[in-house]
C-alpha cells in the first residue's frame, strides 16, 4: 500500500512527519521548532510556531486549517491550559476540530507543548 508522506528527517527520529491515507492526513506531533531549534518565549510562542509548521505541512497537501478535524494536545504542565487555549484560538475558528488535551511529564527537545493533527481532504 502506498502513502503520500512528508519525510523531512529534521528530527532524526524514525517516523514520517505526515501520512496520507484515503482522505485523511495524519500529522505526527509538531513541536514549536524552527530551523534554529525550539523557539523561545514559552507556550504562546511555541503554539504560534506549531501553527506556522502546520500551515506549511497542510500546504503540501493543498489544505488549510479548515481541513483539520482532530487535535491531540500534549502540555508539559496542565497549568498552561488557559494560556494554551488563548494561543490556540488565534488559529482556529468555529466549528473547531475535535480535541483531546493531556499533561505529560516531558516533551522532546524541552518543548512545553506538542500537537498532533488529523486533516480531511
PDB file of N, CA and C in Angstrom:
ATOM      1  N   UNK A   1       0.841  -1.171   0.000  1.00  0.00           N
ATOM      2  CA  UNK A   1       0.000   0.000   0.000  1.00  0.00           C
ATOM      3  C   UNK A   1       0.888   1.237   0.000  1.00  0.00           C
ATOM      4  N   UNK A   2       0.576   2.212  -0.840  1.00  0.00           N
ATOM      5  CA  UNK A   2       1.384   3.426  -0.929  1.00  0.00           C
ATOM      6  C   UNK A   2       0.696   4.567  -0.196  1.00  0.00           C
ATOM      7  N   UNK A   3       1.507   5.366   0.461  1.00  0.00           N
ATOM      8  CA  UNK A   3       1.032   6.539   1.169  1.00  0.00           C
ATOM      9  C   UNK A   3       1.764   7.757   0.622  1.00  0.00           C
ATOM     10  N   UNK A   4       1.088   8.903   0.585  1.00  0.00           N
ATOM     11  CA  UNK A   4       1.768  10.158   0.282  1.00  0.00           C
ATOM     12  C   UNK A   4       2.251  10.690   1.627  1.00  0.00           C
ATOM     13  N   UNK A   5       3.555  10.817   1.764  1.00  0.00           N
ATOM     14  CA  UNK A   5       4.118  11.194   3.060  1.00  0.00           C
ATOM     15  C   UNK A   5       4.975  12.444   2.960  1.00  0.00           C
ATOM     16  N   UNK A   6       5.171  13.073   4.110  1.00  0.00           N
ATOM     17  CA  UNK A   6       6.192  14.101   4.277  1.00  0.00           C
ATOM     18  C   UNK A   6       7.259  13.458   5.147  1.00  0.00           C
ATOM     19  N   UNK A   7       8.467  13.377   4.647  1.00  0.00           N
ATOM     20  CA  UNK A   7       9.578  12.780   5.390  1.00  0.00           C
ATOM     21  C   UNK A   7      10.735  13.770   5.420  1.00  0.00           C
ATOM     22  N   UNK A   8      10.664  14.723   6.324  1.00  0.00           N
ATOM     23  CA  UNK A   8      11.683  15.757   6.358  1.00  0.00           C
ATOM     24  C   UNK A   8      12.984  15.280   6.995  1.00  0.00           C
ATOM     25  N   UNK A   9      12.903  14.278   7.829  1.00  0.00           N
ATOM     26  CA  UNK A   9      14.061  13.769   8.574  1.00  0.00           C
ATOM     27  C   UNK A   9      14.695  14.834   9.470  1.00  0.00           C
ATOM     28  N   UNK A  10      13.970  15.936   9.726  1.00  0.00           N
ATOM     29  CA  UNK A  10      14.505  17.004  10.573  1.00  0.00           C
ATOM     30  C   UNK A  10      14.758  16.522  11.999  1.00  0.00           C
ATOM     31  N   UNK A  11      13.901  15.641  12.482  1.00  0.00           N
ATOM     32  CA  UNK A  11      14.021  15.219  13.875  1.00  0.00           C
ATOM     33  C   UNK A  11      15.116  14.193  14.088  1.00  0.00           C
ATOM     34  N   UNK A  12      15.496  13.510  13.012  1.00  0.00           N
ATOM     35  CA  UNK A  12      16.464  12.442  13.146  1.00  0.00           C
ATOM     36  C   UNK A  12      15.870  11.190  13.767  1.00  0.00           C
ATOM     37  N   UNK A  13      14.544  11.183  13.947  1.00  0.00           N
ATOM     38  CA  UNK A  13      13.856  10.034  14.537  1.00  0.00           C
ATOM     39  C   UNK A  13      13.147   9.238  13.435  1.00  0.00           C
ATOM     40  N   UNK A  14      12.877   7.969  13.681  1.00  0.00           N
ATOM     41  CA  UNK A  14      12.314   7.097  12.650  1.00  0.00           C
ATOM     42  C   UNK A  14      10.795   7.204  12.509  1.00  0.00           C
ATOM     43  N   UNK A  15      10.314   8.313  11.959  1.00  0.00           N
ATOM     44  CA  UNK A  15       8.885   8.460  11.676  1.00  0.00           C
ATOM     45  C   UNK A  15       8.681   9.450  10.541  1.00  0.00           C
ATOM     46  N   UNK A  16       7.507   9.387   9.923  1.00  0.00           N
ATOM     47  CA  UNK A  16       7.127  10.348   8.891  1.00  0.00           C
ATOM     48  C   UNK A  16       6.482  11.548   9.562  1.00  0.00           C
ATOM     49  N   UNK A  17       6.677  12.721   8.987  1.00  0.00           N
ATOM     50  CA  UNK A  17       6.026  13.926   9.507  1.00  0.00           C
ATOM     51  C   UNK A  17       4.522  13.859   9.282  1.00  0.00           C
ATOM     52  N   UNK A  18       4.114  13.234   8.167  1.00  0.00           N
ATOM     53  CA  UNK A  18       2.696  13.091   7.853  1.00  0.00           C
ATOM     54  C   UNK A  18       2.518  11.927   6.896  1.00  0.00           C
ATOM     55  N   UNK A  19       1.343  11.313   6.994  1.00  0.00           N
ATOM     56  CA  UNK A  19       0.987  10.223   6.096  1.00  0.00           C
ATOM     57  C   UNK A  19      -0.454  10.448   5.639  1.00  0.00           C
ATOM     58  N   UNK A  20      -0.653  10.385   4.316  1.00  0.00           N
ATOM     59  CA  UNK A  20      -1.993  10.477   3.755  1.00  0.00           C
ATOM     60  C   UNK A  20      -2.490   9.073   3.438  1.00  0.00           C
ATOM     61  N   UNK A  21      -3.704   8.786   3.892  1.00  0.00           N
ATOM     62  CA  UNK A  21      -4.346   7.521   3.565  1.00  0.00           C
ATOM     63  C   UNK A  21      -5.805   7.816   3.268  1.00  0.00           C
ATOM     64  N   UNK A  22      -6.229   7.441   2.068  1.00  0.00           N
ATOM     65  CA  UNK A  22      -7.565   7.789   1.592  1.00  0.00           C
ATOM     66  C   UNK A  22      -7.728   9.304   1.684  1.00  0.00           C
ATOM     67  N   UNK A  23      -8.718   9.776   2.423  1.00  0.00           N
ATOM     68  CA  UNK A  23      -8.959  11.220   2.517  1.00  0.00           C
ATOM     69  C   UNK A  23      -8.489  11.827   3.827  1.00  0.00           C
ATOM     70  N   UNK A  24      -7.692  11.078   4.599  1.00  0.00           N
ATOM     71  CA  UNK A  24      -7.190  11.589   5.875  1.00  0.00           C
ATOM     72  C   UNK A  24      -5.683  11.755   5.825  1.00  0.00           C
ATOM     73  N   UNK A  25      -5.209  12.821   6.451  1.00  0.00           N
ATOM     74  CA  UNK A  25      -3.781  13.043   6.617  1.00  0.00           C
ATOM     75  C   UNK A  25      -3.516  13.101   8.112  1.00  0.00           C
ATOM     76  N   UNK A  26      -2.675  12.197   8.575  1.00  0.00           N
ATOM     77  CA  UNK A  26      -2.292  12.146   9.984  1.00  0.00           C
ATOM     78  C   UNK A  26      -0.918  12.797  10.113  1.00  0.00           C
ATOM     79  N   UNK A  27      -0.838  13.876  10.892  1.00  0.00           N
ATOM     80  CA  UNK A  27       0.429  14.566  11.123  1.00  0.00           C
ATOM     81  C   UNK A  27       1.020  14.112  12.448  1.00  0.00           C
ATOM     82  N   UNK A  28       2.290  13.775  12.447  1.00  0.00           N
ATOM     83  CA  UNK A  28       2.983  13.448  13.693  1.00  0.00           C
ATOM     84  C   UNK A  28       2.978  14.671  14.597  1.00  0.00           C
ATOM     85  N   UNK A  29       3.262  14.455  15.864  1.00  0.00           N
ATOM     86  CA  UNK A  29       3.303  15.569  16.801  1.00  0.00           C
ATOM     87  C   UNK A  29       4.254  16.653  16.324  1.00  0.00           C
ATOM     88  N   UNK A  30       3.786  17.894  16.395  1.00  0.00           N
ATOM     89  CA  UNK A  30       4.577  19.049  15.956  1.00  0.00           C
ATOM     90  C   UNK A  30       4.970  19.854  17.188  1.00  0.00           C
ATOM     91  N   UNK A  31       6.237  20.139  17.290  1.00  0.00           N
ATOM     92  CA  UNK A  31       6.768  20.994  18.356  1.00  0.00           C
ATOM     93  C   UNK A  31       6.943  22.410  17.826  1.00  0.00           C
ATOM     94  N   UNK A  32       7.134  23.344  18.727  1.00  0.00           N
ATOM     95  CA  UNK A  32       7.352  24.744  18.356  1.00  0.00           C
ATOM     96  C   UNK A  32       8.789  24.998  17.948  1.00  0.00           C
ATOM     97  N   UNK A  33       9.209  24.329  16.887  1.00  0.00           N
ATOM     98  CA  UNK A  33      10.594  24.439  16.440  1.00  0.00           C
ATOM     99  C   UNK A  33      10.671  25.075  15.067  1.00  0.00           C
ATOM    100  N   UNK A  34      11.685  25.886  14.879  1.00  0.00           N
ATOM    101  CA  UNK A  34      12.013  26.403  13.555  1.00  0.00           C
ATOM    102  C   UNK A  34      13.401  25.885  13.176  1.00  0.00           C
ATOM    103  N   UNK A  35      13.994  26.454  12.141  1.00  0.00           N
ATOM    104  CA  UNK A  35      15.291  25.959  11.669  1.00  0.00           C
ATOM    105  C   UNK A  35      16.414  26.126  12.703  1.00  0.00           C
ATOM    106  N   UNK A  36      16.185  26.959  13.736  1.00  0.00           N
ATOM    107  CA  UNK A  36      17.194  27.181  14.774  1.00  0.00           C
ATOM    108  C   UNK A  36      16.939  26.379  16.047  1.00  0.00           C
ATOM    109  N   UNK A  37      15.883  25.579  16.058  1.00  0.00           N
ATOM    110  CA  UNK A  37      15.543  24.799  17.241  1.00  0.00           C
ATOM    111  C   UNK A  37      14.249  25.285  17.868  1.00  0.00           C
ATOM    112  N   UNK A  38      14.043  24.930  19.125  1.00  0.00           N
ATOM    113  CA  UNK A  38      12.837  25.326  19.843  1.00  0.00           C
ATOM    114  C   UNK A  38      12.802  26.838  19.989  1.00  0.00           C
ATOM    115  N   UNK A  39      11.660  27.447  19.636  1.00  0.00           N
ATOM    116  CA  UNK A  39      11.544  28.899  19.748  1.00  0.00           C
ATOM    117  C   UNK A  39      11.493  29.289  21.222  1.00  0.00           C
ATOM    118  N   UNK A  40      11.979  30.469  21.528  1.00  0.00           N
ATOM    119  CA  UNK A  40      11.924  30.965  22.901  1.00  0.00           C
ATOM    120  C   UNK A  40      10.614  31.717  23.100  1.00  0.00           C
ATOM    121  N   UNK A  41      10.213  31.872  24.340  1.00  0.00           N
ATOM    122  CA  UNK A  41       9.013  32.623  24.645  1.00  0.00           C
ATOM    123  C   UNK A  41       7.906  31.807  25.277  1.00  0.00           C
ATOM    124  N   UNK A  42       8.144  30.520  25.490  1.00  0.00           N
ATOM    125  CA  UNK A  42       7.171  29.703  26.192  1.00  0.00           C
ATOM    126  C   UNK A  42       6.030  29.208  25.333  1.00  0.00           C
ATOM    127  N   UNK A  43       4.929  28.867  25.988  1.00  0.00           N
ATOM    128  CA  UNK A  43       3.801  28.198  25.354  1.00  0.00           C
ATOM    129  C   UNK A  43       3.246  28.991  24.174  1.00  0.00           C
ATOM    130  N   UNK A  44       3.005  30.270  24.337  1.00  0.00           N
ATOM    131  CA  UNK A  44       2.390  31.064  23.266  1.00  0.00           C
ATOM    132  C   UNK A  44       3.284  31.085  22.026  1.00  0.00           C
ATOM    133  N   UNK A  45       4.558  31.333  22.205  1.00  0.00           N
ATOM    134  CA  UNK A  45       5.481  31.347  21.064  1.00  0.00           C
ATOM    135  C   UNK A  45       5.563  29.965  20.413  1.00  0.00           C
ATOM    136  N   UNK A  46       5.562  28.914  21.229  1.00  0.00           N
ATOM    137  CA  UNK A  46       5.631  27.563  20.684  1.00  0.00           C
ATOM    138  C   UNK A  46       4.358  27.222  19.900  1.00  0.00           C
ATOM    139  N   UNK A  47       3.197  27.596  20.421  1.00  0.00           N
ATOM    140  CA  UNK A  47       1.940  27.343  19.700  1.00  0.00           C
ATOM    141  C   UNK A  47       1.937  28.082  18.369  1.00  0.00           C
ATOM    142  N   UNK A  48       2.351  29.332  18.373  1.00  0.00           N
ATOM    143  CA  UNK A  48       2.405  30.096  17.118  1.00  0.00           C
ATOM    144  C   UNK A  48       3.326  29.416  16.110  1.00  0.00           C
ATOM    145  N   UNK A  49       4.461  28.906  16.561  1.00  0.00           N
ATOM    146  CA  UNK A  49       5.389  28.219  15.657  1.00  0.00           C
ATOM    147  C   UNK A  49       4.806  26.884  15.187  1.00  0.00           C
ATOM    148  N   UNK A  50       4.136  26.184  16.071  1.00  0.00           N
ATOM    149  CA  UNK A  50       3.488  24.929  15.680  1.00  0.00           C
ATOM    150  C   UNK A  50       2.521  25.188  14.533  1.00  0.00           C
ATOM    151  N   UNK A  51       1.740  26.244  14.634  1.00  0.00           N
ATOM    152  CA  UNK A  51       0.777  26.532  13.579  1.00  0.00           C
ATOM    153  C   UNK A  51       1.451  27.015  12.293  1.00  0.00           C
ATOM    154  N   UNK A  52       2.587  27.679  12.385  1.00  0.00           N
ATOM    155  CA  UNK A  52       3.360  28.006  11.177  1.00  0.00           C
ATOM    156  C   UNK A  52       3.822  26.717  10.503  1.00  0.00           C
ATOM    157  N   UNK A  53       4.313  25.779  11.308  1.00  0.00           N
ATOM    158  CA  UNK A  53       4.766  24.498  10.773  1.00  0.00           C
ATOM    159  C   UNK A  53       3.593  23.722  10.173  1.00  0.00           C
ATOM    160  N   UNK A  54       2.460  23.722  10.877  1.00  0.00           N
ATOM    161  CA  UNK A  54       1.281  23.029  10.368  1.00  0.00           C
ATOM    162  C   UNK A  54       0.818  23.636   9.051  1.00  0.00           C
ATOM    163  N   UNK A  55       0.813  24.960   8.962  1.00  0.00           N
ATOM    164  CA  UNK A  55       0.388  25.623   7.728  1.00  0.00           C
ATOM    165  C   UNK A  55       1.216  25.146   6.539  1.00  0.00           C
ATOM    166  N   UNK A  56       2.521  25.052   6.715  1.00  0.00           N
ATOM    167  CA  UNK A  56       3.403  24.574   5.646  1.00  0.00           C
ATOM    168  C   UNK A  56       3.109  23.116   5.308  1.00  0.00           C
ATOM    169  N   UNK A  57       2.873  22.297   6.333  1.00  0.00           N
ATOM    170  CA  UNK A  57       2.568  20.890   6.096  1.00  0.00           C
ATOM    171  C   UNK A  57       1.231  20.720   5.387  1.00  0.00           C
ATOM    172  N   UNK A  58       0.238  21.485   5.785  1.00  0.00           N
ATOM    173  CA  UNK A  58      -1.063  21.419   5.123  1.00  0.00           C
ATOM    174  C   UNK A  58      -0.962  21.850   3.663  1.00  0.00           C
ATOM    175  N   UNK A  59      -0.151  22.869   3.402  1.00  0.00           N
ATOM    176  CA  UNK A  59       0.015  23.372   2.029  1.00  0.00           C
ATOM    177  C   UNK A  59       0.564  22.282   1.110  1.00  0.00           C
ATOM    178  N   UNK A  60       1.387  21.401   1.626  1.00  0.00           N
ATOM    179  CA  UNK A  60       1.923  20.286   0.846  1.00  0.00           C
ATOM    180  C   UNK A  60       0.787  19.445   0.266  1.00  0.00           C
ATOM    181  N   UNK A  61      -0.323  19.373   0.999  1.00  0.00           N
ATOM    182  CA  UNK A  61      -1.490  18.609   0.575  1.00  0.00           C
ATOM    183  C   UNK A  61      -2.587  19.507  -0.013  1.00  0.00           C
ATOM    184  N   UNK A  62      -2.273  20.772  -0.267  1.00  0.00           N
ATOM    185  CA  UNK A  62      -3.241  21.758  -0.773  1.00  0.00           C
ATOM    186  C   UNK A  62      -4.419  21.934   0.181  1.00  0.00           C
ATOM    187  N   UNK A  63      -4.127  21.975   1.477  1.00  0.00           N
ATOM    188  CA  UNK A  63      -5.145  22.138   2.505  1.00  0.00           C
ATOM    189  C   UNK A  63      -4.833  23.353   3.364  1.00  0.00           C
ATOM    190  N   UNK A  64      -5.790  23.720   4.235  1.00  0.00           N
ATOM    191  CA  UNK A  64      -5.562  24.793   5.198  1.00  0.00           C
ATOM    192  C   UNK A  64      -6.167  24.390   6.540  1.00  0.00           C
ATOM    193  N   UNK A  65      -6.164  25.309   7.500  1.00  0.00           N
ATOM    194  CA  UNK A  65      -6.625  24.986   8.851  1.00  0.00           C
ATOM    195  C   UNK A  65      -8.070  24.488   8.881  1.00  0.00           C
ATOM    196  N   UNK A  66      -8.885  24.912   7.916  1.00  0.00           N
ATOM    197  CA  UNK A  66     -10.288  24.480   7.912  1.00  0.00           C
ATOM    198  C   UNK A  66     -10.428  22.986   7.638  1.00  0.00           C
ATOM    199  N   UNK A  67      -9.384  22.341   7.152  1.00  0.00           N
ATOM    200  CA  UNK A  67      -9.411  20.904   6.892  1.00  0.00           C
ATOM    201  C   UNK A  67      -9.061  20.066   8.122  1.00  0.00           C
ATOM    202  N   UNK A  68      -8.586  20.704   9.184  1.00  0.00           N
ATOM    203  CA  UNK A  68      -8.198  19.974  10.393  1.00  0.00           C
ATOM    204  C   UNK A  68      -9.451  19.523  11.134  1.00  0.00           C
ATOM    205  N   UNK A  69      -9.523  18.224  11.431  1.00  0.00           N
ATOM    206  CA  UNK A  69     -10.702  17.667  12.094  1.00  0.00           C
ATOM    207  C   UNK A  69     -10.420  17.171  13.513  1.00  0.00           C
ATOM    208  N   UNK A  70      -9.144  16.998  13.868  1.00  0.00           N
ATOM    209  CA  UNK A  70      -8.804  16.466  15.186  1.00  0.00           C
ATOM    210  C   UNK A  70      -7.442  16.975  15.623  1.00  0.00           C
ATOM    211  N   UNK A  71      -7.331  17.314  16.905  1.00  0.00           N
ATOM    212  CA  UNK A  71      -6.058  17.726  17.502  1.00  0.00           C
ATOM    213  C   UNK A  71      -5.846  16.924  18.785  1.00  0.00           C
ATOM    214  N   UNK A  72      -4.630  16.516  18.989  1.00  0.00           N
ATOM    215  CA  UNK A  72      -4.220  15.890  20.244  1.00  0.00           C
ATOM    216  C   UNK A  72      -3.129  16.775  20.825  1.00  0.00           C
ATOM    217  N   UNK A  73      -3.424  17.390  21.957  1.00  0.00           N
ATOM    218  CA  UNK A  73      -2.526  18.356  22.581  1.00  0.00           C
ATOM    219  C   UNK A  73      -1.830  17.716  23.776  1.00  0.00           C
ATOM    220  N   UNK A  74      -0.513  17.868  23.808  1.00  0.00           N
ATOM    221  CA  UNK A  74       0.284  17.413  24.940  1.00  0.00           C
ATOM    222  C   UNK A  74       0.938  18.635  25.573  1.00  0.00           C
ATOM    223  N   UNK A  75       0.637  18.883  26.822  1.00  0.00           N
ATOM    224  CA  UNK A  75       1.214  20.008  27.563  1.00  0.00           C
ATOM    225  C   UNK A  75       2.158  19.486  28.630  1.00  0.00           C
ATOM    226  N   UNK A  76       3.287  20.151  28.754  1.00  0.00           N
ATOM    227  CA  UNK A  76       4.224  19.769  29.816  1.00  0.00           C
ATOM    228  C   UNK A  76       3.641  20.089  31.189  1.00  0.00           C
ATOM    229  N   UNK A  77       2.813  21.125  31.248  1.00  0.00           N
ATOM    230  CA  UNK A  77       2.156  21.486  32.507  1.00  0.00           C
ATOM    231  C   UNK A  77       0.700  21.832  32.236  1.00  0.00           C
ATOM    232  N   UNK A  78      -0.211  21.194  32.951  1.00  0.00           N
ATOM    233  CA  UNK A  78      -1.633  21.493  32.790  1.00  0.00           C
ATOM    234  C   UNK A  78      -1.934  22.914  33.259  1.00  0.00           C
ATOM    235  N   UNK A  79      -1.024  23.501  34.017  1.00  0.00           N
ATOM    236  CA  UNK A  79      -1.174  24.898  34.438  1.00  0.00           C
ATOM    237  C   UNK A  79      -1.167  25.841  33.229  1.00  0.00           C
ATOM    238  N   UNK A  80      -0.650  25.388  32.102  1.00  0.00           N
ATOM    239  CA  UNK A  80      -0.605  26.207  30.887  1.00  0.00           C
ATOM    240  C   UNK A  80      -1.870  26.081  30.038  1.00  0.00           C
ATOM    241  N   UNK A  81      -2.873  25.361  30.528  1.00  0.00           N
ATOM    242  CA  UNK A  81      -4.078  25.082  29.748  1.00  0.00           C
ATOM    243  C   UNK A  81      -4.774  26.353  29.253  1.00  0.00           C
ATOM    244  N   UNK A  82      -5.005  27.320  30.132  1.00  0.00           N
ATOM    245  CA  UNK A  82      -5.703  28.544  29.728  1.00  0.00           C
ATOM    246  C   UNK A  82      -4.866  29.379  28.756  1.00  0.00           C
ATOM    247  N   UNK A  83      -3.581  29.503  29.022  1.00  0.00           N
ATOM    248  CA  UNK A  83      -2.683  30.243  28.122  1.00  0.00           C
ATOM    249  C   UNK A  83      -2.635  29.546  26.766  1.00  0.00           C
ATOM    250  N   UNK A  84      -2.577  28.224  26.787  1.00  0.00           N
ATOM    251  CA  UNK A  84      -2.590  27.463  25.539  1.00  0.00           C
ATOM    252  C   UNK A  84      -3.862  27.757  24.752  1.00  0.00           C
ATOM    253  N   UNK A  85      -5.019  27.700  25.412  1.00  0.00           N
ATOM    254  CA  UNK A  85      -6.287  27.934  24.718  1.00  0.00           C
ATOM    255  C   UNK A  85      -6.338  29.313  24.060  1.00  0.00           C
ATOM    256  N   UNK A  86      -5.826  30.327  24.730  1.00  0.00           N
ATOM    257  CA  UNK A  86      -5.799  31.672  24.139  1.00  0.00           C
ATOM    258  C   UNK A  86      -4.971  31.682  22.860  1.00  0.00           C
ATOM    259  N   UNK A  87      -3.817  31.041  22.892  1.00  0.00           N
ATOM    260  CA  UNK A  87      -2.952  30.987  21.707  1.00  0.00           C
ATOM    261  C   UNK A  87      -3.596  30.144  20.612  1.00  0.00           C
ATOM    262  N   UNK A  88      -4.215  29.052  20.974  1.00  0.00           N
ATOM    263  CA  UNK A  88      -4.863  28.132  20.039  1.00  0.00           C
ATOM    264  C   UNK A  88      -5.990  28.829  19.279  1.00  0.00           C
ATOM    265  N   UNK A  89      -6.772  29.634  19.999  1.00  0.00           N
ATOM    266  CA  UNK A  89      -7.917  30.308  19.386  1.00  0.00           C
ATOM    267  C   UNK A  89      -7.528  31.356  18.348  1.00  0.00           C
ATOM    268  N   UNK A  90      -6.270  31.759  18.332  1.00  0.00           N
ATOM    269  CA  UNK A  90      -5.801  32.688  17.286  1.00  0.00           C
ATOM    270  C   UNK A  90      -5.727  31.991  15.931  1.00  0.00           C
ATOM    271  N   UNK A  91      -5.745  30.667  15.927  1.00  0.00           N
ATOM    272  CA  UNK A  91      -5.503  29.912  14.705  1.00  0.00           C
ATOM    273  C   UNK A  91      -6.715  29.139  14.196  1.00  0.00           C
ATOM    274  N   UNK A  92      -7.678  28.875  15.052  1.00  0.00           N
ATOM    275  CA  UNK A  92      -8.884  28.158  14.653  1.00  0.00           C
ATOM    276  C   UNK A  92     -10.111  28.994  14.953  1.00  0.00           C
ATOM    277  N   UNK A  93     -11.133  28.801  14.149  1.00  0.00           N
ATOM    278  CA  UNK A  93     -12.431  29.405  14.427  1.00  0.00           C
ATOM    279  C   UNK A  93     -13.486  28.309  14.341  1.00  0.00           C
ATOM    280  N   UNK A  94     -14.704  28.623  14.765  1.00  0.00           N
ATOM    281  CA  UNK A  94     -15.782  27.645  14.746  1.00  0.00           C
ATOM    282  C   UNK A  94     -16.115  27.261  13.309  1.00  0.00           C
ATOM    283  N   UNK A  95     -16.472  26.038  13.061  1.00  0.00           N
ATOM    284  CA  UNK A  95     -16.521  24.923  14.003  1.00  0.00           C
ATOM    285  C   UNK A  95     -15.110  24.398  14.277  1.00  0.00           C
ATOM    286  N   UNK A  96     -14.783  24.257  15.534  1.00  0.00           N
ATOM    287  CA  UNK A  96     -13.462  23.812  15.938  1.00  0.00           C
ATOM    288  C   UNK A  96     -13.274  22.322  15.659  1.00  0.00           C
ATOM    289  N   UNK A  97     -12.027  21.913  15.446  1.00  0.00           N
ATOM    290  CA  UNK A  97     -11.757  20.475  15.363  1.00  0.00           C
ATOM    291  C   UNK A  97     -12.039  19.815  16.721  1.00  0.00           C
ATOM    292  N   UNK A  98     -12.253  18.513  16.720  1.00  0.00           N
ATOM    293  CA  UNK A  98     -12.316  17.811  17.996  1.00  0.00           C
ATOM    294  C   UNK A  98     -10.922  17.853  18.617  1.00  0.00           C
ATOM    295  N   UNK A  99     -10.862  17.683  19.928  1.00  0.00           N
ATOM    296  CA  UNK A  99      -9.567  17.838  20.589  1.00  0.00           C
ATOM    297  C   UNK A  99      -9.510  17.058  21.883  1.00  0.00           C
ATOM    298  N   UNK A 100      -8.343  16.541  22.156  1.00  0.00           N
ATOM    299  CA  UNK A 100      -8.015  15.961  23.452  1.00  0.00           C
ATOM    300  C   UNK A 100      -6.785  16.693  23.956  1.00  0.00           C
ATOM    301  N   UNK A 101      -6.658  16.810  25.280  1.00  0.00           N
ATOM    302  CA  UNK A 101      -5.509  17.506  25.854  1.00  0.00           C
ATOM    303  C   UNK A 101      -5.053  16.745  27.094  1.00  0.00           C
ATOM    304  N   UNK A 102      -3.753  16.499  27.141  1.00  0.00           N
ATOM    305  CA  UNK A 102      -3.168  15.764  28.256  1.00  0.00           C
ATOM    306  C   UNK A 102      -1.931  16.488  28.766  1.00  0.00           C
ATOM    307  N   UNK A 103      -1.712  16.396  30.057  1.00  0.00           N
ATOM    308  CA  UNK A 103      -0.445  16.835  30.631  1.00  0.00           C
ATOM    309  C   UNK A 103       0.479  15.623  30.631  1.00  0.00           C
ATOM    310  N   UNK A 104       1.724  15.864  30.254  1.00  0.00           N
ATOM    311  CA  UNK A 104       2.719  14.794  30.193  1.00  0.00           C
ATOM    312  C   UNK A 104       3.936  15.203  31.008  1.00  0.00           C
ATOM    313  N   UNK A 105       4.733  14.240  31.335  1.00  0.00           N
ATOM    314  CA  UNK A 105       5.906  14.512  32.179  1.00  0.00           C
ATOM    315  C   UNK A 105       6.950  15.354  31.459  1.00  0.00           C
ATOM    316  N   UNK A 106       7.263  14.996  30.229  1.00  0.00           N
ATOM    317  CA  UNK A 106       8.259  15.713  29.438  1.00  0.00           C
ATOM    318  C   UNK A 106       7.898  15.609  27.974  1.00  0.00           C
ATOM    319  N   UNK A 107       8.464  16.534  27.194  1.00  0.00           N
ATOM    320  CA  UNK A 107       8.311  16.522  25.738  1.00  0.00           C
ATOM    321  C   UNK A 107       9.697  16.594  25.101  1.00  0.00           C
ATOM    322  N   UNK A 108       9.834  16.095  23.884  1.00  0.00           N
ATOM    323  CA  UNK A 108      11.129  16.157  23.205  1.00  0.00           C
ATOM    324  C   UNK A 108      11.639  17.590  23.060  1.00  0.00           C
ATOM    325  N   UNK A 109      12.940  17.722  23.016  1.00  0.00           N
ATOM    326  CA  UNK A 109      13.625  18.992  22.755  1.00  0.00           C
ATOM    327  C   UNK A 109      13.329  20.068  23.797  1.00  0.00           C
ATOM    328  N   UNK A 110      12.786  19.682  24.959  1.00  0.00           N
ATOM    329  CA  UNK A 110      12.482  20.657  26.003  1.00  0.00           C
ATOM    330  C   UNK A 110      11.225  21.460  25.748  1.00  0.00           C
ATOM    331  N   UNK A 111      10.369  20.986  24.834  1.00  0.00           N
ATOM    332  CA  UNK A 111       9.148  21.709  24.491  1.00  0.00           C
ATOM    333  C   UNK A 111       8.150  21.761  25.639  1.00  0.00           C
ATOM    334  N   UNK A 112       7.284  22.764  25.573  1.00  0.00           N
ATOM    335  CA  UNK A 112       6.198  22.918  26.533  1.00  0.00           C
ATOM    336  C   UNK A 112       4.878  22.408  25.984  1.00  0.00           C
ATOM    337  N   UNK A 113       4.792  22.291  24.657  1.00  0.00           N
ATOM    338  CA  UNK A 113       3.562  21.843  24.011  1.00  0.00           C
ATOM    339  C   UNK A 113       3.908  21.103  22.717  1.00  0.00           C
ATOM    340  N   UNK A 114       3.150  20.063  22.444  1.00  0.00           N
ATOM    341  CA  UNK A 114       3.259  19.315  21.195  1.00  0.00           C
ATOM    342  C   UNK A 114       1.827  19.029  20.746  1.00  0.00           C
ATOM    343  N   UNK A 115       1.579  19.137  19.449  1.00  0.00           N
ATOM    344  CA  UNK A 115       0.227  18.890  18.941  1.00  0.00           C
ATOM    345  C   UNK A 115       0.292  17.956  17.735  1.00  0.00           C
ATOM    346  N   UNK A 116      -0.547  16.925  17.766  1.00  0.00           N
ATOM    347  CA  UNK A 116      -0.783  16.074  16.607  1.00  0.00           C
ATOM    348  C   UNK A 116      -2.062  16.559  15.933  1.00  0.00           C
ATOM    349  N   UNK A 117      -2.101  16.478  14.614  1.00  0.00           N
ATOM    350  CA  UNK A 117      -3.272  16.916  13.876  1.00  0.00           C
ATOM    351  C   UNK A 117      -3.717  15.828  12.904  1.00  0.00           C
ATOM    352  N   UNK A 118      -5.012  15.782  12.639  1.00  0.00           N
ATOM    353  CA  UNK A 118      -5.578  14.979  11.572  1.00  0.00           C
ATOM    354  C   UNK A 118      -6.376  15.924  10.694  1.00  0.00           C
ATOM    355  N   UNK A 119      -6.139  15.847   9.392  1.00  0.00           N
ATOM    356  CA  UNK A 119      -6.869  16.679   8.440  1.00  0.00           C
ATOM    357  C   UNK A 119      -7.624  15.790   7.459  1.00  0.00           C
ATOM    358  N   UNK A 120      -8.682  16.337   6.890  1.00  0.00           N
ATOM    359  CA  UNK A 120      -9.515  15.630   5.926  1.00  0.00           C
ATOM    360  C   UNK A 120      -9.521  16.387   4.621  1.00  0.00           C
ATOM    361  N   UNK A 121      -9.396  15.642   3.527  1.00  0.00           N
ATOM    362  CA  UNK A 121      -9.453  16.272   2.201  1.00  0.00           C
ATOM    363  C   UNK A 121     -10.881  16.447   1.765  1.00  0.00           C
TER     364      UNK A 121
END
